[in-house]
C-alpha atoms as a PDB file:
ATOM      1  CA  UNK A   1      -0.240  -0.012   0.307  1.00  0.00           C
ATOM      2  CA  UNK A   2       1.006   3.733  -0.572  1.00  0.00           C
ATOM      3  CA  UNK A   3       0.608   5.961   2.207  1.00  0.00           C
ATOM      4  CA  UNK A   4       1.200   9.843   2.125  1.00  0.00           C
ATOM      5  CA  UNK A   5       2.285  11.523   4.791  1.00  0.00           C
ATOM      6  CA  UNK A   6       0.624  14.824   5.962  1.00  0.00           C
ATOM      7  CA  UNK A   7       0.932  16.969   8.739  1.00  0.00           C
ATOM      8  CA  UNK A   8       2.134  20.648   9.427  1.00  0.00           C
ATOM      9  CA  UNK A   9       4.948  22.306   8.009  1.00  0.00           C
ATOM     10  CA  UNK A  10       4.281  26.159   7.363  1.00  0.00           C
ATOM     11  CA  UNK A  11       4.944  27.591  10.716  1.00  0.00           C
ATOM     12  CA  UNK A  12       7.130  24.618  11.824  1.00  0.00           C
ATOM     13  CA  UNK A  13      10.875  24.083  12.268  1.00  0.00           C
ATOM     14  CA  UNK A  14      11.338  20.672  12.856  1.00  0.00           C
ATOM     15  CA  UNK A  15       8.943  18.943  10.140  1.00  0.00           C
ATOM     16  CA  UNK A  16      11.753  17.394   8.073  1.00  0.00           C
ATOM     17  CA  UNK A  17      12.368  15.450  11.296  1.00  0.00           C
ATOM     18  CA  UNK A  18       8.796  14.681  12.140  1.00  0.00           C
ATOM     19  CA  UNK A  19       8.188  13.699   8.578  1.00  0.00           C
ATOM     20  CA  UNK A  20      11.559  11.677   8.141  1.00  0.00           C
ATOM     21  CA  UNK A  21      10.914   9.371  11.470  1.00  0.00           C
ATOM     22  CA  UNK A  22       7.021   8.879  10.165  1.00  0.00           C
ATOM     23  CA  UNK A  23       8.669   7.763   6.869  1.00  0.00           C
ATOM     24  CA  UNK A  24      10.746   5.371   8.251  1.00  0.00           C
ATOM     25  CA  UNK A  25       8.203   3.650  10.661  1.00  0.00           C
ATOM     26  CA  UNK A  26       6.236   3.392   8.074  1.00  0.00           C
ATOM     27  CA  UNK A  27       8.245   1.749   5.949  1.00  0.00           C
ATOM     28  CA  UNK A  28       9.208  -0.479   8.859  1.00  0.00           C
ATOM     29  CA  UNK A  29       6.098  -1.805   8.693  1.00  0.00           C
ATOM     30  CA  UNK A  30       5.636  -2.295   4.886  1.00  0.00           C
ATOM     31  CA  UNK A  31       4.721   0.993   3.227  1.00  0.00           C
ATOM     32  CA  UNK A  32       5.738   2.271   0.532  1.00  0.00           C
ATOM     33  CA  UNK A  33       5.775   5.979   1.339  1.00  0.00           C
ATOM     34  CA  UNK A  34       5.372   9.097   0.136  1.00  0.00           C
ATOM     35  CA  UNK A  35       6.795  12.019   2.157  1.00  0.00           C
ATOM     36  CA  UNK A  36       5.614  15.616   0.715  1.00  0.00           C
ATOM     37  CA  UNK A  37       8.625  17.265   3.210  1.00  0.00           C
ATOM     38  CA  UNK A  38      11.517  16.009   0.898  1.00  0.00           C
ATOM     39  CA  UNK A  39       9.600  16.927  -2.390  1.00  0.00           C
ATOM     40  CA  UNK A  40       8.779  20.248  -1.062  1.00  0.00           C
ATOM     41  CA  UNK A  41      12.538  21.097  -0.305  1.00  0.00           C
ATOM     42  CA  UNK A  42      13.248  20.173  -4.099  1.00  0.00           C
ATOM     43  CA  UNK A  43      10.754  22.997  -5.132  1.00  0.00           C
ATOM     44  CA  UNK A  44      11.528  26.310  -6.175  1.00  0.00           C
ATOM     45  CA  UNK A  45      12.071  29.194  -3.404  1.00  0.00           C
ATOM     46  CA  UNK A  46       9.372  31.459  -5.439  1.00  0.00           C
ATOM     47  CA  UNK A  47       6.731  28.062  -5.082  1.00  0.00           C
ATOM     48  CA  UNK A  48       3.646  29.553  -3.087  1.00  0.00           C
ATOM     49  CA  UNK A  49       1.570  27.431  -0.978  1.00  0.00           C
ATOM     50  CA  UNK A  50      -1.264  27.122  -3.989  1.00  0.00           C
ATOM     51  CA  UNK A  51       2.294  25.251  -5.954  1.00  0.00           C
ATOM     52  CA  UNK A  52       2.839  23.017  -2.669  1.00  0.00           C
ATOM     53  CA  UNK A  53      -0.810  21.967  -2.537  1.00  0.00           C
ATOM     54  CA  UNK A  54      -0.858  21.139  -6.695  1.00  0.00           C
ATOM     55  CA  UNK A  55       1.784  18.857  -6.367  1.00  0.00           C
ATOM     56  CA  UNK A  56       0.741  17.402  -3.017  1.00  0.00           C
ATOM     57  CA  UNK A  57      -2.934  17.299  -4.325  1.00  0.00           C
ATOM     58  CA  UNK A  58      -1.543  15.022  -7.332  1.00  0.00           C
ATOM     59  CA  UNK A  59       0.714  12.770  -5.640  1.00  0.00           C
ATOM     60  CA  UNK A  60      -2.193  12.394  -3.009  1.00  0.00           C
ATOM     61  CA  UNK A  61      -4.279  10.928  -5.605  1.00  0.00           C
ATOM     62  CA  UNK A  62      -1.752   7.991  -6.355  1.00  0.00           C
ATOM     63  CA  UNK A  63      -1.757   6.939  -2.516  1.00  0.00           C
ATOM     64  CA  UNK A  64      -4.469   4.462  -1.016  1.00  0.00           C
ATOM     65  CA  UNK A  65      -3.554   5.307   2.547  1.00  0.00           C
ATOM     66  CA  UNK A  66      -2.769   8.972   4.184  1.00  0.00           C
ATOM     67  CA  UNK A  67      -0.976   8.889   7.864  1.00  0.00           C
ATOM     68  CA  UNK A  68      -1.926  12.283   9.867  1.00  0.00           C
ATOM     69  CA  UNK A  69       0.829  13.419  11.978  1.00  0.00           C
ATOM     70  CA  UNK A  70       0.439  14.984  15.206  1.00  0.00           C
ATOM     71  CA  UNK A  71      -1.196  18.564  14.797  1.00  0.00           C
ATOM     72  CA  UNK A  72      -2.805  18.489  11.575  1.00  0.00           C
ATOM     73  CA  UNK A  73      -6.071  19.565  12.804  1.00  0.00           C
ATOM     74  CA  UNK A  74      -4.229  22.649  13.232  1.00  0.00           C
ATOM     75  CA  UNK A  75      -2.618  22.886   9.248  1.00  0.00           C
ATOM     76  CA  UNK A  76      -4.771  24.239   6.677  1.00  0.00           C
ATOM     77  CA  UNK A  77      -2.801  22.221   3.992  1.00  0.00           C
ATOM     78  CA  UNK A  78      -3.131  18.832   5.720  1.00  0.00           C
ATOM     79  CA  UNK A  79      -7.160  19.513   6.634  1.00  0.00           C
ATOM     80  CA  UNK A  80      -7.398  19.816   3.089  1.00  0.00           C
ATOM     81  CA  UNK A  81      -5.664  16.792   2.501  1.00  0.00           C
ATOM     82  CA  UNK A  82      -7.579  14.940   5.108  1.00  0.00           C
ATOM     83  CA  UNK A  83     -10.425  15.788   3.375  1.00  0.00           C
ATOM     84  CA  UNK A  84      -9.432  14.969  -0.079  1.00  0.00           C
ATOM     85  CA  UNK A  85      -8.678  11.315   1.079  1.00  0.00           C
ATOM     86  CA  UNK A  86     -12.086  11.156   3.049  1.00  0.00           C
ATOM     87  CA  UNK A  87     -13.652  12.043  -0.040  1.00  0.00           C
ATOM     88  CA  UNK A  88     -11.801   9.433  -2.132  1.00  0.00           C
ATOM     89  CA  UNK A  89     -12.649   6.792   0.492  1.00  0.00           C
ATOM     90  CA  UNK A  90      -8.741   6.133   1.391  1.00  0.00           C
ATOM     91  CA  UNK A  91      -7.842   4.437   4.766  1.00  0.00           C
ATOM     92  CA  UNK A  92      -6.852   7.191   7.333  1.00  0.00           C
ATOM     93  CA  UNK A  93      -4.232   6.149   9.632  1.00  0.00           C
ATOM     94  CA  UNK A  94      -2.712   8.765  12.326  1.00  0.00           C
ATOM     95  CA  UNK A  95       0.236   9.421  14.655  1.00  0.00           C
ATOM     96  CA  UNK A  96      -0.499   7.636  17.914  1.00  0.00           C
ATOM     97  CA  UNK A  97      -3.341   5.892  16.555  1.00  0.00           C
ATOM     98  CA  UNK A  98      -5.181   8.698  17.312  1.00  0.00           C
END
């Protein structure tokens, strides 16, 4: 199963570490993982939030599962990704089983 990691990025300082830890744990569980933090790091500095979300939505549509990191409820992008996943009937996993 392909899983997309979703969580707060904007306004955080340790998102790379949080996403990397989740990626490592999910891979140990046998998932093929898409880590959007890695993609964001490679996008041009002039990229807007909307640009990031276009990429995120395209990749999310290729996955069967979404993994919500702690604090996702306070992230405009993660909330949008959650609703897209729910509308697509994806499996939703949450950090710490929440």
